[in-house]
Amino acid sequence: MILATGLAASLAGCAGDAPPPADWVAGGAAVRPSVHSVWASRPALEGLRAFTPVGTAFAVAADSLGALLLTNTHVVVDGEGTPLPRLSVLVQADTGTALYGAEPLALDGRRDLALLRIADTTVVPVRWRRERVTMGTPVATIGYGLPEGGIEDTTGARVVTRYTVVRRFTAGYASSYRTLEAGDPSTNILEVDLFLFPGVSGGPVFTREGRVLGVNRGGWGLGERRTSYGEVIPVLVVRQFLEAAGYGDTVAEPPSP
């Protein structure tokens, strides 16, 4: 695939034997330009709809035709599994901000992965880590929290809203790999001790070297109480998803499960 060539080439070299950086400055700077906010039209008050942030996505390939971005299926579909109306990606770069319509190329509810295409040709694809991480490995994520703010004015059937969308960084540690359904590697996940705030779903999880090792799936808690336990979809499962969608060369050969 034309769009897939850039990232495959970027994976020719993986993290070597050099010791990892002592902090997250370089790794965060490497990943940050690839991470963007997903927007869509969702139900609001009394049958009305609001165009609002719904999650996070990150670029995996780009060329003269546009870009491919990964996120979660639950970020971009409704309760019936239908893509949300006005699905878009807000690209926030150092040179400015632009909103692009997003075309769902592949949706996989079982793996909770979605592949989107946007027309932007300037996004920066991430670099992947092929090796599995071990227990205690420092990991971090960057994502967009759900909107802060709300309705400012209501006039008839028109609802005017103002939202503030903030890019956030959190860090923690890898715990262990496990399989949600015995014998089915397509349900492998990586458990992490990492606070996954609302809105970070679909964002990348990465090492201090700035190598992405998986996609945020979600955090756990009781009601409104959030914990630092999170689940990450590892590179192996990402590759399975992309191969099934016809974009298998977007990610180089991952580790065996």
C-alpha atoms as a PDB file:
ATOM      1  CA  MET A   1       0.000   0.000   0.000  1.00  0.00           C
ATOM      2  CA  ILE A   2       1.290   3.489  -0.835  1.00  0.00           C
ATOM      3  CA  LEU A   3       0.361   4.978   2.535  1.00  0.00           C
ATOM      4  CA  ALA A   4       2.060   2.198   4.463  1.00  0.00           C
ATOM      5  CA  THR A   5       5.591   2.556   3.177  1.00  0.00           C
ATOM      6  CA  GLY A   6       6.776   5.324   5.490  1.00  0.00           C
ATOM      7  CA  LEU A   7       6.256   3.540   8.788  1.00  0.00           C
ATOM      8  CA  ALA A   8       7.624   0.211   7.637  1.00  0.00           C
ATOM      9  CA  ALA A   9      10.859   1.939   6.727  1.00  0.00           C
ATOM     10  CA  SER A  10      10.986   3.692  10.089  1.00  0.00           C
ATOM     11  CA  LEU A  11      10.999   0.326  11.807  1.00  0.00           C
ATOM     12  CA  ALA A  12      14.177  -0.882  10.158  1.00  0.00           C
ATOM     13  CA  GLY A  13      16.052   0.032  13.333  1.00  0.00           C
ATOM     14  CA  CYS A  14      14.731  -0.713  16.812  1.00  0.00           C
ATOM     15  CA  ALA A  15      15.974   0.313  20.211  1.00  0.00           C
ATOM     16  CA  GLY A  16      19.453  -1.115  20.649  1.00  0.00           C
ATOM     17  CA  ASP A  17      21.511  -1.980  23.700  1.00  0.00           C
ATOM     18  CA  ALA A  18      22.155   1.613  24.751  1.00  0.00           C
ATOM     19  CA  PRO A  19      20.685   2.510  28.156  1.00  0.00           C
ATOM     20  CA  PRO A  20      17.322   4.300  28.002  1.00  0.00           C
ATOM     21  CA  PRO A  21      17.123   8.038  28.667  1.00  0.00           C
ATOM     22  CA  ALA A  22      16.814   9.038  32.316  1.00  0.00           C
ATOM     23  CA  ASP A  23      13.643  11.094  31.712  1.00  0.00           C
ATOM     24  CA  TRP A  24      10.722  11.428  29.301  1.00  0.00           C
ATOM     25  CA  VAL A  25      11.668  14.656  27.543  1.00  0.00           C
ATOM     26  CA  ALA A  26      13.096  13.114  24.357  1.00  0.00           C
ATOM     27  CA  GLY A  27      10.559  10.285  24.145  1.00  0.00           C
ATOM     28  CA  GLY A  28       7.607  12.613  24.654  1.00  0.00           C
ATOM     29  CA  ALA A  29       8.936  15.051  22.069  1.00  0.00           C
ATOM     30  CA  ALA A  30       9.310  12.225  19.539  1.00  0.00           C
ATOM     31  CA  VAL A  31       5.736  10.954  19.964  1.00  0.00           C
ATOM     32  CA  ARG A  32       3.831  14.186  20.589  1.00  0.00           C
ATOM     33  CA  PRO A  33       3.643  15.389  16.923  1.00  0.00           C
ATOM     34  CA  SER A  34       1.938  12.109  15.933  1.00  0.00           C
ATOM     35  CA  VAL A  35      -0.953  12.359  18.429  1.00  0.00           C
ATOM     36  CA  HIS A  36      -4.218  14.099  17.526  1.00  0.00           C
ATOM     37  CA  SER A  37      -7.760  14.568  18.785  1.00  0.00           C
ATOM     38  CA  VAL A  38     -10.766  12.699  17.331  1.00  0.00           C
ATOM     39  CA  TRP A  39     -14.046  14.627  17.031  1.00  0.00           C
ATOM     40  CA  ALA A  40     -17.580  13.599  16.076  1.00  0.00           C
ATOM     41  CA  SER A  41     -21.233  14.527  16.401  1.00  0.00           C
ATOM     42  CA  ARG A  42     -22.828  12.927  19.466  1.00  0.00           C
ATOM     43  CA  PRO A  43     -26.191  13.225  21.256  1.00  0.00           C
ATOM     44  CA  ALA A  44     -26.471  16.272  23.518  1.00  0.00           C
ATOM     45  CA  LEU A  45     -29.528  17.829  25.180  1.00  0.00           C
ATOM     46  CA  GLU A  46     -33.116  16.849  24.396  1.00  0.00           C
ATOM     47  CA  GLY A  47     -32.383  15.088  21.139  1.00  0.00           C
ATOM     48  CA  LEU A  48     -29.907  17.670  19.910  1.00  0.00           C
ATOM     49  CA  ARG A  49     -26.370  16.769  18.844  1.00  0.00           C
ATOM     50  CA  ALA A  50     -23.020  18.362  19.640  1.00  0.00           C
ATOM     51  CA  PHE A  51     -19.770  18.272  17.678  1.00  0.00           C
ATOM     52  CA  THR A  52     -17.286  17.334  20.384  1.00  0.00           C
ATOM     53  CA  PRO A  53     -13.982  15.554  21.105  1.00  0.00           C
ATOM     54  CA  VAL A  54     -14.443  11.804  21.586  1.00  0.00           C
ATOM     55  CA  GLY A  55     -10.918  10.380  21.947  1.00  0.00           C
ATOM     56  CA  THR A  56      -7.371  10.207  20.637  1.00  0.00           C
ATOM     57  CA  ALA A  57      -5.671   8.857  17.484  1.00  0.00           C
ATOM     58  CA  PHE A  58      -2.085   8.735  16.267  1.00  0.00           C
ATOM     59  CA  ALA A  59      -0.455   8.663  12.856  1.00  0.00           C
ATOM     60  CA  VAL A  60       1.100   5.425  11.581  1.00  0.00           C
ATOM     61  CA  ALA A  61       1.804   6.357   7.947  1.00  0.00           C
ATOM     62  CA  ALA A  62       1.771   9.413   5.692  1.00  0.00           C
ATOM     63  CA  ASP A  63       2.583  10.331   2.099  1.00  0.00           C
ATOM     64  CA  SER A  64       1.388  12.649  -0.671  1.00  0.00           C
ATOM     65  CA  LEU A  65      -2.114  11.129  -0.559  1.00  0.00           C
ATOM     66  CA  GLY A  66      -2.775  11.651   3.134  1.00  0.00           C
ATOM     67  CA  ALA A  67      -2.308   9.846   6.401  1.00  0.00           C
ATOM     68  CA  LEU A  68      -3.426   6.742   8.276  1.00  0.00           C
ATOM     69  CA  LEU A  69      -4.253   6.987  11.963  1.00  0.00           C
ATOM     70  CA  LEU A  70      -4.970   4.321  14.585  1.00  0.00           C
ATOM     71  CA  THR A  71      -7.538   4.620  17.357  1.00  0.00           C
ATOM     72  CA  ASN A  72     -10.093   2.422  19.165  1.00  0.00           C
ATOM     73  CA  THR A  73     -13.314   1.250  17.593  1.00  0.00           C
ATOM     74  CA  HIS A  74     -15.247   2.331  20.693  1.00  0.00           C
ATOM     75  CA  VAL A  75     -14.015   5.895  20.094  1.00  0.00           C
ATOM     76  CA  VAL A  76     -15.515   6.208  16.603  1.00  0.00           C
ATOM     77  CA  VAL A  77     -18.753   4.166  16.641  1.00  0.00           C
ATOM     78  CA  ASP A  78     -22.094   4.409  18.413  1.00  0.00           C
ATOM     79  CA  GLY A  79     -23.807   1.727  20.467  1.00  0.00           C
ATOM     80  CA  GLU A  80     -24.957  -0.030  17.283  1.00  0.00           C
ATOM     81  CA  GLY A  81     -21.453  -0.196  15.811  1.00  0.00           C
ATOM     82  CA  THR A  82     -22.129   2.542  13.231  1.00  0.00           C
ATOM     83  CA  PRO A  83     -19.438   5.200  12.657  1.00  0.00           C
ATOM     84  CA  LEU A  84     -20.327   8.460  14.376  1.00  0.00           C
ATOM     85  CA  PRO A  85     -21.541  11.335  12.153  1.00  0.00           C
ATOM     86  CA  ARG A  86     -19.046  14.068  11.215  1.00  0.00           C
ATOM     87  CA  LEU A  87     -16.100  11.907  12.241  1.00  0.00           C
ATOM     88  CA  SER A  88     -13.030  14.156  12.132  1.00  0.00           C
ATOM     89  CA  VAL A  89      -9.457  14.529  13.346  1.00  0.00           C
ATOM     90  CA  LEU A  90      -8.158  17.802  14.750  1.00  0.00           C
ATOM     91  CA  VAL A  91      -4.467  18.055  13.842  1.00  0.00           C
ATOM     92  CA  GLN A  92      -2.595  20.387  16.165  1.00  0.00           C
ATOM     93  CA  ALA A  93       0.895  21.068  14.867  1.00  0.00           C
ATOM     94  CA  ASP A  94       3.511  23.688  15.662  1.00  0.00           C
ATOM     95  CA  THR A  95       2.575  25.422  12.409  1.00  0.00           C
ATOM     96  CA  GLY A  96      -1.141  25.623  13.193  1.00  0.00           C
ATOM     97  CA  THR A  97      -4.380  23.702  13.753  1.00  0.00           C
ATOM     98  CA  ALA A  98      -6.618  22.128  11.097  1.00  0.00           C
ATOM     99  CA  LEU A  99      -9.713  19.929  11.157  1.00  0.00           C
ATOM    100  CA  TYR A 100      -9.949  17.049   8.659  1.00  0.00           C
ATOM    101  CA  GLY A 101     -12.806  14.732   7.849  1.00  0.00           C
ATOM    102  CA  ALA A 102     -11.895  11.144   8.768  1.00  0.00           C
ATOM    103  CA  GLU A 103     -12.779   8.100   6.678  1.00  0.00           C
ATOM    104  CA  PRO A 104     -12.956   4.786   8.579  1.00  0.00           C
ATOM    105  CA  LEU A 105     -10.957   2.264   6.522  1.00  0.00           C
ATOM    106  CA  ALA A 106     -11.297  -0.642   8.954  1.00  0.00           C
ATOM    107  CA  LEU A 107     -13.201  -1.297  12.180  1.00  0.00           C
ATOM    108  CA  ASP A 108     -12.597  -4.313  14.441  1.00  0.00           C
ATOM    109  CA  GLY A 109     -14.782  -4.425  17.541  1.00  0.00           C
ATOM    110  CA  ARG A 110     -13.152  -7.631  18.801  1.00  0.00           C
ATOM    111  CA  ARG A 111      -9.687  -6.099  18.902  1.00  0.00           C
ATOM    112  CA  ASP A 112     -11.111  -2.613  19.577  1.00  0.00           C
ATOM    113  CA  LEU A 113      -9.046  -1.072  16.794  1.00  0.00           C
ATOM    114  CA  ALA A 114      -9.978   1.360  14.037  1.00  0.00           C
ATOM    115  CA  LEU A 115      -7.979   2.696  11.084  1.00  0.00           C
ATOM    116  CA  LEU A 116      -8.804   6.182   9.799  1.00  0.00           C
ATOM    117  CA  ARG A 117      -7.687   8.121   6.746  1.00  0.00           C
ATOM    118  CA  ILE A 118      -7.397  11.907   6.629  1.00  0.00           C
ATOM    119  CA  ALA A 119      -6.231  14.212   3.832  1.00  0.00           C
ATOM    120  CA  ASP A 120      -3.400  15.816   5.823  1.00  0.00           C
ATOM    121  CA  THR A 121       0.039  15.115   4.336  1.00  0.00           C
ATOM    122  CA  THR A 122       2.086  16.737   7.097  1.00  0.00           C
ATOM    123  CA  VAL A 123       1.460  14.436  10.062  1.00  0.00           C
ATOM    124  CA  VAL A 124       4.423  12.615  11.583  1.00  0.00           C
ATOM    125  CA  PRO A 125       4.109   8.793  11.877  1.00  0.00           C
ATOM    126  CA  VAL A 126       5.242   7.113  15.081  1.00  0.00           C
ATOM    127  CA  ARG A 127       8.145   4.706  15.366  1.00  0.00           C
ATOM    128  CA  TRP A 128       7.288   1.276  16.771  1.00  0.00           C
ATOM    129  CA  ARG A 129       9.039  -0.947  19.275  1.00  0.00           C
ATOM    130  CA  ARG A 130       9.018  -4.568  18.100  1.00  0.00           C
ATOM    131  CA  GLU A 131      10.332  -6.173  21.289  1.00  0.00           C
ATOM    132  CA  ARG A 132       7.986  -7.047  24.128  1.00  0.00           C
ATOM    133  CA  VAL A 133       8.520  -5.015  27.267  1.00  0.00           C
ATOM    134  CA  THR A 134       9.213  -6.691  30.592  1.00  0.00           C
ATOM    135  CA  MET A 135       7.541  -6.147  33.940  1.00  0.00           C
ATOM    136  CA  GLY A 136       8.632  -2.848  35.446  1.00  0.00           C
ATOM    137  CA  THR A 137       9.574  -1.184  32.149  1.00  0.00           C
ATOM    138  CA  PRO A 138       8.733   2.548  32.289  1.00  0.00           C
ATOM    139  CA  VAL A 139       5.939   3.428  29.835  1.00  0.00           C
ATOM    140  CA  ALA A 140       3.992   6.589  29.120  1.00  0.00           C
ATOM    141  CA  THR A 141       1.109   7.889  27.050  1.00  0.00           C
ATOM    142  CA  ILE A 142       0.016  11.130  25.425  1.00  0.00           C
ATOM    143  CA  GLY A 143      -3.627  11.805  24.695  1.00  0.00           C
ATOM    144  CA  TYR A 144      -6.440  14.341  24.664  1.00  0.00           C
ATOM    145  CA  GLY A 145      -8.765  14.551  27.641  1.00  0.00           C
ATOM    146  CA  LEU A 146     -12.465  14.781  27.026  1.00  0.00           C
ATOM    147  CA  PRO A 147     -13.704  18.360  26.606  1.00  0.00           C
ATOM    148  CA  GLU A 148     -13.667  20.877  29.398  1.00  0.00           C
ATOM    149  CA  GLY A 149     -16.373  23.516  29.255  1.00  0.00           C
ATOM    150  CA  GLY A 150     -19.888  23.177  27.919  1.00  0.00           C
ATOM    151  CA  ILE A 151     -23.018  24.981  26.748  1.00  0.00           C
ATOM    152  CA  GLU A 152     -22.715  28.747  26.683  1.00  0.00           C
ATOM    153  CA  ASP A 153     -25.918  29.743  24.941  1.00  0.00           C
ATOM    154  CA  THR A 154     -29.111  28.068  23.774  1.00  0.00           C
ATOM    155  CA  THR A 155     -31.294  29.781  21.196  1.00  0.00           C
ATOM    156  CA  GLY A 156     -34.215  27.711  19.983  1.00  0.00           C
ATOM    157  CA  ALA A 157     -32.829  24.507  18.498  1.00  0.00           C
ATOM    158  CA  ARG A 158     -29.287  25.866  18.357  1.00  0.00           C
ATOM    159  CA  VAL A 159     -26.777  24.952  21.065  1.00  0.00           C
ATOM    160  CA  VAL A 160     -23.525  26.909  21.078  1.00  0.00           C
ATOM    161  CA  THR A 161     -20.650  25.228  22.882  1.00  0.00           C
ATOM    162  CA  ARG A 162     -17.075  26.181  23.661  1.00  0.00           C
ATOM    163  CA  TYR A 163     -14.610  23.410  24.467  1.00  0.00           C
ATOM    164  CA  THR A 164     -11.025  23.362  25.668  1.00  0.00           C
ATOM    165  CA  VAL A 165      -9.100  20.265  24.565  1.00  0.00           C
ATOM    166  CA  VAL A 166      -5.832  19.668  26.364  1.00  0.00           C
ATOM    167  CA  ARG A 167      -3.036  17.298  25.354  1.00  0.00           C
ATOM    168  CA  ARG A 168      -1.882  15.384  28.428  1.00  0.00           C
ATOM    169  CA  PHE A 169       1.051  13.178  29.381  1.00  0.00           C
ATOM    170  CA  THR A 170       1.132  10.454  32.060  1.00  0.00           C
ATOM    171  CA  ALA A 171       3.796   7.876  32.918  1.00  0.00           C
ATOM    172  CA  GLY A 172       3.867   4.537  34.734  1.00  0.00           C
ATOM    173  CA  TYR A 173       5.101   0.969  34.356  1.00  0.00           C
ATOM    174  CA  ALA A 174       4.382  -2.155  32.334  1.00  0.00           C
ATOM    175  CA  SER A 175       2.947  -5.025  34.359  1.00  0.00           C
ATOM    176  CA  SER A 176       2.274  -8.172  32.320  1.00  0.00           C
ATOM    177  CA  TYR A 177       0.802  -9.574  29.134  1.00  0.00           C
ATOM    178  CA  ARG A 178      -2.343 -11.669  29.252  1.00  0.00           C
ATOM    179  CA  THR A 179      -4.999 -13.054  26.943  1.00  0.00           C
ATOM    180  CA  LEU A 180      -8.617 -12.063  27.410  1.00  0.00           C
ATOM    181  CA  GLU A 181      -9.808 -15.254  25.706  1.00  0.00           C
ATOM    182  CA  ALA A 182      -7.679 -18.371  26.238  1.00  0.00           C
ATOM    183  CA  GLY A 183      -5.947 -19.615  23.098  1.00  0.00           C
ATOM    184  CA  ASP A 184      -6.797 -16.517  21.041  1.00  0.00           C
ATOM    185  CA  PRO A 185      -3.736 -14.256  20.574  1.00  0.00           C
ATOM    186  CA  SER A 186      -5.941 -11.649  18.898  1.00  0.00           C
ATOM    187  CA  THR A 187      -7.192 -10.795  22.401  1.00  0.00           C
ATOM    188  CA  ASN A 188      -3.719 -10.285  23.928  1.00  0.00           C
ATOM    189  CA  ILE A 189      -3.354  -7.162  26.048  1.00  0.00           C
ATOM    190  CA  LEU A 190      -0.593  -5.556  28.072  1.00  0.00           C
ATOM    191  CA  GLU A 191      -1.579  -4.539  31.582  1.00  0.00           C
ATOM    192  CA  VAL A 192       0.017  -1.298  32.769  1.00  0.00           C
ATOM    193  CA  ASP A 193       0.217   0.680  35.977  1.00  0.00           C
ATOM    194  CA  LEU A 194      -0.605   3.886  34.140  1.00  0.00           C
ATOM    195  CA  PHE A 195      -3.428   6.353  34.721  1.00  0.00           C
ATOM    196  CA  LEU A 196      -5.506   6.380  31.530  1.00  0.00           C
ATOM    197  CA  PHE A 197      -7.685   9.460  31.860  1.00  0.00           C
ATOM    198  CA  PRO A 198     -11.010   9.757  29.983  1.00  0.00           C
ATOM    199  CA  GLY A 199     -10.337  10.710  26.363  1.00  0.00           C
ATOM    200  CA  VAL A 200      -6.945   9.006  26.072  1.00  0.00           C
ATOM    201  CA  SER A 201      -8.500   5.913  24.453  1.00  0.00           C
ATOM    202  CA  GLY A 202      -6.823   5.296  21.101  1.00  0.00           C
ATOM    203  CA  GLY A 203      -3.603   7.036  22.076  1.00  0.00           C
ATOM    204  CA  PRO A 204      -0.103   5.532  21.888  1.00  0.00           C
ATOM    205  CA  VAL A 205       1.812   3.954  24.772  1.00  0.00           C
ATOM    206  CA  PHE A 206       5.563   4.328  24.375  1.00  0.00           C
ATOM    207  CA  THR A 207       8.970   3.898  25.975  1.00  0.00           C
ATOM    208  CA  ARG A 208      11.487   6.545  27.015  1.00  0.00           C
ATOM    209  CA  GLU A 209      13.148   6.115  23.625  1.00  0.00           C
ATOM    210  CA  GLY A 210       9.924   7.288  21.953  1.00  0.00           C
ATOM    211  CA  ARG A 211       9.079   3.846  20.534  1.00  0.00           C
ATOM    212  CA  VAL A 212       5.374   2.952  20.519  1.00  0.00           C
ATOM    213  CA  LEU A 213       4.518  -0.458  21.967  1.00  0.00           C
ATOM    214  CA  GLY A 214       0.745  -0.392  21.775  1.00  0.00           C
ATOM    215  CA  VAL A 215      -2.606   1.418  21.710  1.00  0.00           C
ATOM    216  CA  ASN A 216      -4.527   2.504  24.805  1.00  0.00           C
ATOM    217  CA  ARG A 217      -7.676   0.444  25.270  1.00  0.00           C
ATOM    218  CA  GLY A 218      -8.949   1.903  28.516  1.00  0.00           C
ATOM    219  CA  GLY A 219      -8.584   2.188  32.275  1.00  0.00           C
ATOM    220  CA  TRP A 220     -10.560   0.687  35.097  1.00  0.00           C
ATOM    221  CA  GLY A 221     -12.318   2.105  38.126  1.00  0.00           C
ATOM    222  CA  LEU A 222     -15.525   2.055  40.141  1.00  0.00           C
ATOM    223  CA  GLY A 223     -18.010   4.615  38.899  1.00  0.00           C
ATOM    224  CA  GLU A 224     -16.270   7.975  38.701  1.00  0.00           C
ATOM    225  CA  ARG A 225     -13.298   6.675  40.670  1.00  0.00           C
ATOM    226  CA  ARG A 226     -10.380   5.976  38.361  1.00  0.00           C
ATOM    227  CA  THR A 227      -7.441   3.723  39.153  1.00  0.00           C
ATOM    228  CA  SER A 228      -3.974   3.472  37.629  1.00  0.00           C
ATOM    229  CA  TYR A 229      -4.751   0.075  36.071  1.00  0.00           C
ATOM    230  CA  GLY A 230      -4.921   0.225  32.288  1.00  0.00           C
ATOM    231  CA  GLU A 231      -5.008  -2.074  29.275  1.00  0.00           C
ATOM    232  CA  VAL A 232      -2.931  -1.616  26.131  1.00  0.00           C
ATOM    233  CA  ILE A 233      -3.375  -3.374  22.765  1.00  0.00           C
ATOM    234  CA  PRO A 234       0.155  -4.594  21.893  1.00  0.00           C
ATOM    235  CA  VAL A 235       1.959  -4.361  18.554  1.00  0.00           C
ATOM    236  CA  LEU A 236       1.294  -8.026  17.711  1.00  0.00           C
ATOM    237  CA  VAL A 237      -2.473  -7.462  17.810  1.00  0.00           C
ATOM    238  CA  VAL A 238      -2.115  -4.180  15.902  1.00  0.00           C
ATOM    239  CA  ARG A 239      -0.302  -6.049  13.131  1.00  0.00           C
ATOM    240  CA  GLN A 240      -3.012  -8.731  13.001  1.00  0.00           C
ATOM    241  CA  PHE A 241      -5.611  -6.020  12.612  1.00  0.00           C
ATOM    242  CA  LEU A 242      -3.698  -4.199   9.875  1.00  0.00           C
ATOM    243  CA  GLU A 243      -3.023  -7.420   7.968  1.00  0.00           C
ATOM    244  CA  ALA A 244      -6.738  -8.266   8.017  1.00  0.00           C
ATOM    245  CA  ALA A 245      -7.477  -4.747   6.729  1.00  0.00           C
ATOM    246  CA  GLY A 246      -4.912  -5.023   3.917  1.00  0.00           C
ATOM    247  CA  TYR A 247      -2.314  -2.737   5.519  1.00  0.00           C
ATOM    248  CA  GLY A 248      -0.011  -5.358   7.018  1.00  0.00           C
ATOM    249  CA  ASP A 249       3.169  -3.668   5.831  1.00  0.00           C
ATOM    250  CA  THR A 250       2.381  -0.633   7.985  1.00  0.00           C
ATOM    251  CA  VAL A 251       4.020  -2.305  10.999  1.00  0.00           C
ATOM    252  CA  ALA A 252       7.223  -4.340  10.777  1.00  0.00           C
ATOM    253  CA  GLU A 253       7.359  -7.900  12.093  1.00  0.00           C
ATOM    254  CA  PRO A 254       6.388  -7.839  15.803  1.00  0.00           C
ATOM    255  CA  PRO A 255       7.568 -10.255  18.493  1.00  0.00           C
ATOM    256  CA  SER A 256       5.995 -13.669  18.842  1.00  0.00           C
ATOM    257  CA  PRO A 257       3.351 -13.945  21.562  1.00  0.00           C
END
